C-alpha atoms as a PDB file:
ATOM      1  CA  UNK A   1      24.736-190.470 -44.339  1.00  0.00           C
ATOM      2  CA  UNK A   2      24.575-186.779 -42.912  1.00  0.00           C
ATOM      3  CA  UNK A   3      25.842-186.422 -39.006  1.00  0.00           C
ATOM      4  CA  UNK A   4      23.551-183.797 -36.520  1.00  0.00           C
ATOM      5  CA  UNK A   5      25.492-180.697 -35.891  1.00  0.00           C
ATOM      6  CA  UNK A   6      26.732-180.681 -32.190  1.00  0.00           C
ATOM      7  CA  UNK A   7      24.187-179.058 -29.566  1.00  0.00           C
ATOM      8  CA  UNK A   8      25.586-176.636 -27.290  1.00  0.00           C
ATOM      9  CA  UNK A   9      24.570-176.114 -23.275  1.00  0.00           C
ATOM     10  CA  UNK A  10      25.621-173.838 -20.983  1.00  0.00           C
ATOM     11  CA  UNK A  11      27.154-174.286 -17.660  1.00  0.00           C
ATOM     12  CA  UNK A  12      26.836-171.405 -15.126  1.00  0.00           C
ATOM     13  CA  UNK A  13      28.832-171.618 -11.915  1.00  0.00           C
ATOM     14  CA  UNK A  14      27.481-169.520  -8.860  1.00  0.00           C
ATOM     15  CA  UNK A  15      28.365-169.063  -5.101  1.00  0.00           C
ATOM     16  CA  UNK A  16      25.063-166.632  -4.117  1.00  0.00           C
ATOM     17  CA  UNK A  17      26.687-166.318  -0.462  1.00  0.00           C
ATOM     18  CA  UNK A  18      30.372-166.848  -0.400  1.00  0.00           C
ATOM     19  CA  UNK A  19      31.960-167.434   3.085  1.00  0.00           C
ATOM     20  CA  UNK A  20      32.533-164.810   5.386  1.00  0.00           C
ATOM     21  CA  UNK A  21      36.431-165.263   5.127  1.00  0.00           C
ATOM     22  CA  UNK A  22      36.680-165.785   1.509  1.00  0.00           C
ATOM     23  CA  UNK A  23      40.029-164.388   0.405  1.00  0.00           C
ATOM     24  CA  UNK A  24      40.236-161.683  -2.051  1.00  0.00           C
ATOM     25  CA  UNK A  25      36.738-160.975  -2.426  1.00  0.00           C
ATOM     26  CA  UNK A  26      34.940-157.505  -1.948  1.00  0.00           C
ATOM     27  CA  UNK A  27      31.340-158.433  -3.506  1.00  0.00           C
ATOM     28  CA  UNK A  28      30.555-160.819  -0.766  1.00  0.00           C
ATOM     29  CA  UNK A  29      26.584-159.144  -0.194  1.00  0.00           C
ATOM     30  CA  UNK A  30      24.251-162.370  -1.196  1.00  0.00           C
ATOM     31  CA  UNK A  31      21.600-159.773  -2.617  1.00  0.00           C
ATOM     32  CA  UNK A  32      24.241-158.155  -4.834  1.00  0.00           C
ATOM     33  CA  UNK A  33      25.464-161.288  -6.190  1.00  0.00           C
ATOM     34  CA  UNK A  34      21.737-163.016  -6.614  1.00  0.00           C
ATOM     35  CA  UNK A  35      21.182-159.839  -8.807  1.00  0.00           C
ATOM     36  CA  UNK A  36      24.219-160.546 -10.681  1.00  0.00           C
ATOM     37  CA  UNK A  37      23.185-164.067 -11.631  1.00  0.00           C
ATOM     38  CA  UNK A  38      19.551-163.024 -12.224  1.00  0.00           C
ATOM     39  CA  UNK A  39      20.575-160.493 -14.894  1.00  0.00           C
ATOM     40  CA  UNK A  40      23.286-163.227 -16.607  1.00  0.00           C
ATOM     41  CA  UNK A  41      20.213-165.687 -16.335  1.00  0.00           C
ATOM     42  CA  UNK A  42      18.173-163.371 -18.453  1.00  0.00           C
ATOM     43  CA  UNK A  43      20.919-162.791 -20.800  1.00  0.00           C
ATOM     44  CA  UNK A  44      21.587-166.737 -21.575  1.00  0.00           C
ATOM     45  CA  UNK A  45      18.215-167.319 -21.721  1.00  0.00           C
ATOM     46  CA  UNK A  46      17.734-164.924 -24.513  1.00  0.00           C
ATOM     47  CA  UNK A  47      20.433-166.999 -26.236  1.00  0.00           C
ATOM     48  CA  UNK A  48      18.185-170.243 -26.063  1.00  0.00           C
ATOM     49  CA  UNK A  49      16.775-171.461 -29.271  1.00  0.00           C
ATOM     50  CA  UNK A  50      19.547-169.527 -30.959  1.00  0.00           C
ATOM     51  CA  UNK A  51      23.412-170.264 -30.352  1.00  0.00           C
ATOM     52  CA  UNK A  52      22.642-172.499 -26.974  1.00  0.00           C
ATOM     53  CA  UNK A  53      20.310-175.798 -26.475  1.00  0.00           C
ATOM     54  CA  UNK A  54      20.210-175.977 -22.660  1.00  0.00           C
ATOM     55  CA  UNK A  55      21.164-174.339 -19.872  1.00  0.00           C
ATOM     56  CA  UNK A  56      22.478-175.824 -16.604  1.00  0.00           C
ATOM     57  CA  UNK A  57      22.701-173.353 -13.486  1.00  0.00           C
ATOM     58  CA  UNK A  58      24.387-174.841 -10.536  1.00  0.00           C
ATOM     59  CA  UNK A  59      25.079-172.997  -7.082  1.00  0.00           C
ATOM     60  CA  UNK A  60      26.927-174.149  -4.270  1.00  0.00           C
ATOM     61  CA  UNK A  61      25.749-172.166  -1.234  1.00  0.00           C
ATOM     62  CA  UNK A  62      22.498-173.295  -0.269  1.00  0.00           C
ATOM     63  CA  UNK A  63      20.934-170.563  -0.750  1.00  0.00           C
ATOM     64  CA  UNK A  64      17.476-170.136  -2.204  1.00  0.00           C
ATOM     65  CA  UNK A  65      16.644-169.819  -6.026  1.00  0.00           C
ATOM     66  CA  UNK A  66      13.098-169.417  -6.104  1.00  0.00           C
ATOM     67  CA  UNK A  67      13.200-166.359  -8.078  1.00  0.00           C
ATOM     68  CA  UNK A  68      15.667-167.833 -10.797  1.00  0.00           C
ATOM     69  CA  UNK A  69      13.845-170.590 -11.297  1.00  0.00           C
ATOM     70  CA  UNK A  70      10.527-168.331 -11.387  1.00  0.00           C
ATOM     71  CA  UNK A  71      12.462-165.955 -14.186  1.00  0.00           C
ATOM     72  CA  UNK A  72      13.686-169.351 -16.657  1.00  0.00           C
ATOM     73  CA  UNK A  73      10.266-170.410 -16.081  1.00  0.00           C
ATOM     74  CA  UNK A  74       8.761-167.287 -17.442  1.00  0.00           C
ATOM     75  CA  UNK A  75      11.041-166.137 -19.796  1.00  0.00           C
ATOM     76  CA  UNK A  76      12.870-169.134 -21.743  1.00  0.00           C
ATOM     77  CA  UNK A  77      11.836-171.395 -24.561  1.00  0.00           C
ATOM     78  CA  UNK A  78      14.452-174.033 -23.902  1.00  0.00           C
ATOM     79  CA  UNK A  79      15.267-176.426 -20.762  1.00  0.00           C
ATOM     80  CA  UNK A  80      17.072-174.627 -17.645  1.00  0.00           C
ATOM     81  CA  UNK A  81      18.221-176.701 -15.269  1.00  0.00           C
ATOM     82  CA  UNK A  82      19.084-176.061 -11.605  1.00  0.00           C
ATOM     83  CA  UNK A  83      21.369-178.008  -9.507  1.00  0.00           C
ATOM     84  CA  UNK A  84      22.157-177.336  -6.007  1.00  0.00           C
ATOM     85  CA  UNK A  85      25.353-179.037  -5.421  1.00  0.00           C
ATOM     86  CA  UNK A  86      27.028-180.069  -2.158  1.00  0.00           C
ATOM     87  CA  UNK A  87      28.550-176.771   0.015  1.00  0.00           C
ATOM     88  CA  UNK A  88      31.938-178.815   0.578  1.00  0.00           C
ATOM     89  CA  UNK A  89      32.858-177.089  -2.614  1.00  0.00           C
ATOM     90  CA  UNK A  90      32.359-173.601  -0.845  1.00  0.00           C
ATOM     91  CA  UNK A  91      35.496-173.937   1.390  1.00  0.00           C
ATOM     92  CA  UNK A  92      36.895-170.151   1.844  1.00  0.00           C
ATOM     93  CA  UNK A  93      40.396-172.070   2.010  1.00  0.00           C
ATOM     94  CA  UNK A  94      40.459-174.088  -1.199  1.00  0.00           C
ATOM     95  CA  UNK A  95      39.670-170.902  -3.286  1.00  0.00           C
ATOM     96  CA  UNK A  96      37.368-169.492  -6.156  1.00  0.00           C
ATOM     97  CA  UNK A  97      38.600-171.530  -8.474  1.00  0.00           C
ATOM     98  CA  UNK A  98      38.349-175.096  -6.135  1.00  0.00           C
ATOM     99  CA  UNK A  99      34.681-174.510  -5.609  1.00  0.00           C
ATOM    100  CA  UNK A 100      33.979-173.958  -9.333  1.00  0.00           C
ATOM    101  CA  UNK A 101      35.812-177.135 -10.101  1.00  0.00           C
ATOM    102  CA  UNK A 102      34.004-179.028  -8.029  1.00  0.00           C
ATOM    103  CA  UNK A 103      30.567-177.527  -9.180  1.00  0.00           C
ATOM    104  CA  UNK A 104      31.357-178.687 -12.332  1.00  0.00           C
ATOM    105  CA  UNK A 105      32.643-182.018 -11.505  1.00  0.00           C
ATOM    106  CA  UNK A 106      29.116-182.502  -9.682  1.00  0.00           C
ATOM    107  CA  UNK A 107      27.510-180.749 -13.284  1.00  0.00           C
ATOM    108  CA  UNK A 108      29.151-183.550 -15.092  1.00  0.00           C
ATOM    109  CA  UNK A 109      28.083-186.111 -13.065  1.00  0.00           C
ATOM    110  CA  UNK A 110      24.568-185.349 -11.874  1.00  0.00           C
ATOM    111  CA  UNK A 111      22.920-182.625 -14.622  1.00  0.00           C
ATOM    112  CA  UNK A 112      19.999-184.515 -16.627  1.00  0.00           C
ATOM    113  CA  UNK A 113      21.176-182.158 -19.261  1.00  0.00           C
ATOM    114  CA  UNK A 114      24.420-183.977 -19.449  1.00  0.00           C
ATOM    115  CA  UNK A 115      23.274-187.325 -19.239  1.00  0.00           C
ATOM    116  CA  UNK A 116      21.170-186.832 -22.553  1.00  0.00           C
ATOM    117  CA  UNK A 117      24.070-185.277 -24.307  1.00  0.00           C
ATOM    118  CA  UNK A 118      25.047-186.832 -27.121  1.00  0.00           C
ATOM    119  CA  UNK A 119      29.583-187.406 -27.356  1.00  0.00           C
ATOM    120  CA  UNK A 120      30.282-184.321 -29.552  1.00  0.00           C
ATOM    121  CA  UNK A 121      27.834-181.656 -27.543  1.00  0.00           C
ATOM    122  CA  UNK A 122      29.730-179.142 -26.301  1.00  0.00           C
ATOM    123  CA  UNK A 123      29.452-177.567 -22.664  1.00  0.00           C
ATOM    124  CA  UNK A 124      30.483-174.000 -22.494  1.00  0.00           C
ATOM    125  CA  UNK A 125      30.883-172.964 -18.741  1.00  0.00           C
ATOM    126  CA  UNK A 126      30.917-169.372 -17.888  1.00  0.00           C
ATOM    127  CA  UNK A 127      31.521-167.478 -14.276  1.00  0.00           C
ATOM    128  CA  UNK A 128      27.867-166.885 -13.332  1.00  0.00           C
ATOM    129  CA  UNK A 129      27.574-163.634 -12.677  1.00  0.00           C
ATOM    130  CA  UNK A 130      29.079-162.542 -15.804  1.00  0.00           C
ATOM    131  CA  UNK A 131      27.678-162.065 -19.456  1.00  0.00           C
ATOM    132  CA  UNK A 132      29.597-162.927 -21.851  1.00  0.00           C
ATOM    133  CA  UNK A 133      28.203-160.306 -24.667  1.00  0.00           C
ATOM    134  CA  UNK A 134      30.141-162.438 -27.428  1.00  0.00           C
ATOM    135  CA  UNK A 135      29.170-166.003 -26.573  1.00  0.00           C
ATOM    136  CA  UNK A 136      27.271-166.290 -29.938  1.00  0.00           C
ATOM    137  CA  UNK A 137      30.500-165.463 -31.834  1.00  0.00           C
ATOM    138  CA  UNK A 138      33.110-167.657 -29.396  1.00  0.00           C
ATOM    139  CA  UNK A 139      30.379-170.523 -30.364  1.00  0.00           C
ATOM    140  CA  UNK A 140      30.365-169.540 -34.151  1.00  0.00           C
ATOM    141  CA  UNK A 141      34.204-169.897 -34.417  1.00  0.00           C
ATOM    142  CA  UNK A 142      35.071-172.747 -31.936  1.00  0.00           C
ATOM    143  CA  UNK A 143      37.252-174.704 -34.124  1.00  0.00           C
ATOM    144  CA  UNK A 144      35.242-178.060 -35.003  1.00  0.00           C
ATOM    145  CA  UNK A 145      35.659-181.769 -33.666  1.00  0.00           C
ATOM    146  CA  UNK A 146      37.734-180.322 -30.428  1.00  0.00           C
ATOM    147  CA  UNK A 147      37.430-181.779 -27.050  1.00  0.00           C
ATOM    148  CA  UNK A 148      38.479-179.158 -25.177  1.00  0.00           C
ATOM    149  CA  UNK A 149      38.654-175.521 -25.505  1.00  0.00           C
ATOM    150  CA  UNK A 150      39.879-172.440 -23.306  1.00  0.00           C
ATOM    151  CA  UNK A 151      42.422-169.864 -22.702  1.00  0.00           C
ATOM    152  CA  UNK A 152      46.008-171.125 -21.209  1.00  0.00           C
ATOM    153  CA  UNK A 153      48.607-167.800 -21.562  1.00  0.00           C
ATOM    154  CA  UNK A 154      51.925-167.988 -19.839  1.00  0.00           C
ATOM    155  CA  UNK A 155      54.048-164.656 -21.286  1.00  0.00           C
ATOM    156  CA  UNK A 156      54.149-163.062 -18.087  1.00  0.00           C
ATOM    157  CA  UNK A 157      52.873-165.277 -15.550  1.00  0.00           C
ATOM    158  CA  UNK A 158      50.954-168.662 -16.009  1.00  0.00           C
ATOM    159  CA  UNK A 159      47.173-168.228 -16.288  1.00  0.00           C
ATOM    160  CA  UNK A 160      44.411-170.409 -17.703  1.00  0.00           C
ATOM    161  CA  UNK A 161      41.004-168.713 -17.882  1.00  0.00           C
ATOM    162  CA  UNK A 162      38.317-169.902 -16.043  1.00  0.00           C
ATOM    163  CA  UNK A 163      35.630-167.294 -16.797  1.00  0.00           C
ATOM    164  CA  UNK A 164      34.701-168.863 -20.663  1.00  0.00           C
ATOM    165  CA  UNK A 165      35.661-172.422 -21.881  1.00  0.00           C
ATOM    166  CA  UNK A 166      34.211-175.521 -23.380  1.00  0.00           C
ATOM    167  CA  UNK A 167      34.420-179.126 -23.580  1.00  0.00           C
ATOM    168  CA  UNK A 168      32.889-182.203 -24.656  1.00  0.00           C
ATOM    169  CA  UNK A 169      31.853-185.303 -22.029  1.00  0.00           C
ATOM    170  CA  UNK A 170      35.522-186.840 -23.375  1.00  0.00           C
ATOM    171  CA  UNK A 171      37.415-183.543 -22.986  1.00  0.00           C
ATOM    172  CA  UNK A 172      35.979-182.724 -19.187  1.00  0.00           C
ATOM    173  CA  UNK A 173      37.352-186.428 -18.269  1.00  0.00           C
ATOM    174  CA  UNK A 174      40.303-185.958 -20.029  1.00  0.00           C
ATOM    175  CA  UNK A 175      41.529-182.400 -19.060  1.00  0.00           C
ATOM    176  CA  UNK A 176      39.118-180.985 -15.900  1.00  0.00           C
ATOM    177  CA  UNK A 177      37.609-183.741 -14.060  1.00  0.00           C
ATOM    178  CA  UNK A 178      39.114-183.782 -10.545  1.00  0.00           C
ATOM    179  CA  UNK A 179      41.309-180.784 -10.607  1.00  0.00           C
ATOM    180  CA  UNK A 180      39.563-179.600  -7.765  1.00  0.00           C
ATOM    181  CA  UNK A 181      42.299-180.734  -4.821  1.00  0.00           C
ATOM    182  CA  UNK A 182      45.025-180.002  -7.456  1.00  0.00           C
ATOM    183  CA  UNK A 183      44.294-176.323  -7.178  1.00  0.00           C
ATOM    184  CA  UNK A 184      43.849-175.530  -3.588  1.00  0.00           C
ATOM    185  CA  UNK A 185      44.719-172.340  -2.839  1.00  0.00           C
ATOM    186  CA  UNK A 186      45.881-173.718   0.503  1.00  0.00           C
ATOM    187  CA  UNK A 187      47.918-176.054  -0.572  1.00  0.00           C
ATOM    188  CA  UNK A 188      50.110-173.609  -3.086  1.00  0.00           C
ATOM    189  CA  UNK A 189      50.740-170.745  -0.333  1.00  0.00           C
ATOM    190  CA  UNK A 190      47.496-168.784  -1.449  1.00  0.00           C
ATOM    191  CA  UNK A 191      48.572-168.428  -5.145  1.00  0.00           C
ATOM    192  CA  UNK A 192      45.558-167.932  -7.360  1.00  0.00           C
ATOM    193  CA  UNK A 193      43.805-171.377  -8.534  1.00  0.00           C
ATOM    194  CA  UNK A 194      44.099-170.082 -12.195  1.00  0.00           C
ATOM    195  CA  UNK A 195      48.022-170.317 -11.713  1.00  0.00           C
ATOM    196  CA  UNK A 196      47.854-173.822 -10.532  1.00  0.00           C
ATOM    197  CA  UNK A 197      45.571-175.161 -13.335  1.00  0.00           C
ATOM    198  CA  UNK A 198      47.962-174.008 -15.830  1.00  0.00           C
ATOM    199  CA  UNK A 199      50.166-176.123 -14.820  1.00  0.00           C
ATOM    200  CA  UNK A 200      47.667-179.092 -14.421  1.00  0.00           C
ATOM    201  CA  UNK A 201      45.972-178.156 -18.116  1.00  0.00           C
ATOM    202  CA  UNK A 202      49.771-178.089 -19.302  1.00  0.00           C
ATOM    203  CA  UNK A 203      50.258-181.435 -18.776  1.00  0.00           C
ATOM    204  CA  UNK A 204      46.147-182.744 -19.814  1.00  0.00           C
ATOM    205  CA  UNK A 205      46.072-180.710 -23.190  1.00  0.00           C
ATOM    206  CA  UNK A 206      49.510-182.209 -25.006  1.00  0.00           C
ATOM    207  CA  UNK A 207      47.505-185.101 -26.390  1.00  0.00           C
ATOM    208  CA  UNK A 208      43.796-185.306 -28.104  1.00  0.00           C
ATOM    209  CA  UNK A 209      41.707-182.607 -29.629  1.00  0.00           C
ATOM    210  CA  UNK A 210      42.359-179.846 -27.665  1.00  0.00           C
ATOM    211  CA  UNK A 211      42.871-176.002 -28.187  1.00  0.00           C
ATOM    212  CA  UNK A 212      44.347-173.589 -25.766  1.00  0.00           C
ATOM    213  CA  UNK A 213      43.941-170.247 -27.231  1.00  0.00           C
ATOM    214  CA  UNK A 214      40.092-168.894 -27.589  1.00  0.00           C
ATOM    215  CA  UNK A 215      40.043-167.618 -31.518  1.00  0.00           C
ATOM    216  CA  UNK A 216      38.115-164.596 -29.886  1.00  0.00           C
ATOM    217  CA  UNK A 217      38.933-162.310 -27.193  1.00  0.00           C
ATOM    218  CA  UNK A 218      35.708-162.948 -24.699  1.00  0.00           C
ATOM    219  CA  UNK A 219      33.448-159.284 -24.356  1.00  0.00           C
ATOM    220  CA  UNK A 220      33.118-159.848 -20.797  1.00  0.00           C
ATOM    221  CA  UNK A 221      30.201-157.750 -18.936  1.00  0.00           C
ATOM    222  CA  UNK A 222      30.080-157.853 -15.112  1.00  0.00           C
ATOM    223  CA  UNK A 223      31.356-156.751 -11.586  1.00  0.00           C
ATOM    224  CA  UNK A 224      34.274-158.252 -10.497  1.00  0.00           C
ATOM    225  CA  UNK A 225      34.078-160.061  -7.155  1.00  0.00           C
ATOM    226  CA  UNK A 226      37.539-159.097  -6.338  1.00  0.00           C
ATOM    227  CA  UNK A 227      37.226-155.076  -6.805  1.00  0.00           C
ATOM    228  CA  UNK A 228      33.932-154.452  -7.751  1.00  0.00           C
ATOM    229  CA  UNK A 229      34.974-153.236 -11.335  1.00  0.00           C
ATOM    230  CA  UNK A 230      33.093-153.608 -14.082  1.00  0.00           C
ATOM    231  CA  UNK A 231      34.953-155.706 -16.775  1.00  0.00           C
ATOM    232  CA  UNK A 232      33.655-153.718 -19.583  1.00  0.00           C
ATOM    233  CA  UNK A 233      34.466-150.313 -18.485  1.00  0.00           C
ATOM    234  CA  UNK A 234      37.968-148.628 -17.801  1.00  0.00           C
ATOM    235  CA  UNK A 235      41.303-149.750 -19.159  1.00  0.00           C
ATOM    236  CA  UNK A 236      39.919-153.432 -19.445  1.00  0.00           C
ATOM    237  CA  UNK A 237      37.814-151.967 -22.709  1.00  0.00           C
ATOM    238  CA  UNK A 238      41.441-150.927 -24.067  1.00  0.00           C
ATOM    239  CA  UNK A 239      42.665-154.718 -22.971  1.00  0.00           C
ATOM    240  CA  UNK A 240      39.528-156.180 -25.038  1.00  0.00           C
ATOM    241  CA  UNK A 241      40.388-154.408 -27.854  1.00  0.00           C
ATOM    242  CA  UNK A 242      43.997-155.381 -28.178  1.00  0.00           C
ATOM    243  CA  UNK A 243      43.543-158.882 -27.531  1.00  0.00           C
ATOM    244  CA  UNK A 244      41.066-159.409 -29.925  1.00  0.00           C
ATOM    245  CA  UNK A 245      43.359-157.733 -32.324  1.00  0.00           C
ATOM    246  CA  UNK A 246      46.233-159.455 -31.227  1.00  0.00           C
ATOM    247  CA  UNK A 247      44.004-163.369 -31.856  1.00  0.00           C
ATOM    248  CA  UNK A 248      42.804-162.256 -35.335  1.00  0.00           C
ATOM    249  CA  UNK A 249      46.683-161.489 -36.204  1.00  0.00           C
ATOM    250  CA  UNK A 250      48.767-163.514 -34.650  1.00  0.00           C
ATOM    251  CA  UNK A 251      46.432-165.962 -32.753  1.00  0.00           C
ATOM    252  CA  UNK A 252      48.913-166.656 -29.962  1.00  0.00           C
ATOM    253  CA  UNK A 253      49.792-163.667 -28.970  1.00  0.00           C
ATOM    254  CA  UNK A 254      49.557-162.408 -25.349  1.00  0.00           C
ATOM    255  CA  UNK A 255      49.936-158.799 -23.371  1.00  0.00           C
END
């Protein structure tokens, strides 16, 4: 008896209006950020019916989503679900990764798309303002049957890359559920949440079907919030090419 291939869903995390005292944040203008999300959503809607079977757009600042809803309704051949997340996750002291983790907990608990998903279906998380230009390739090269798939790197400094990762419902419950309070920046002397998440995931990914190095380097296009520089310009283009070559040749080497 043949088994249906897993479906792939995208989770876009969003904070259109960040708190005014958010640390390390330069791109704070709500209209600019809204436009970033609109560009990214347009990009991902074009992948529906191809490599994506649905999108969940989850926003936690209480900002209006009318234009984004209209865009999705007019341009998409597949389901796009919008979720308004409790603003308690939009808390400056906790840091960006704390907020994203709280958003993800709410998505996995409340989303209608998640509720209908099969056990083998895969959810791809992206930072909602960014376009992952090679997402189809990341999906195509994802190891079969994996429950949690992410990048953990610790050669120079510990870091869990939250820009792109994926999981099944079981993988999320085992690896990511409830990590928000464990990675709050105000409980770790202001250390970036990605550093704290690295330690948490190193302890949670020792068992099960887990892969902690993406087979392809994510090709990101979008403006970084902390310095208003584009991921796809300047030195970052060199970094992408070098890391991509390292993945293809050595798989586990990081710069």
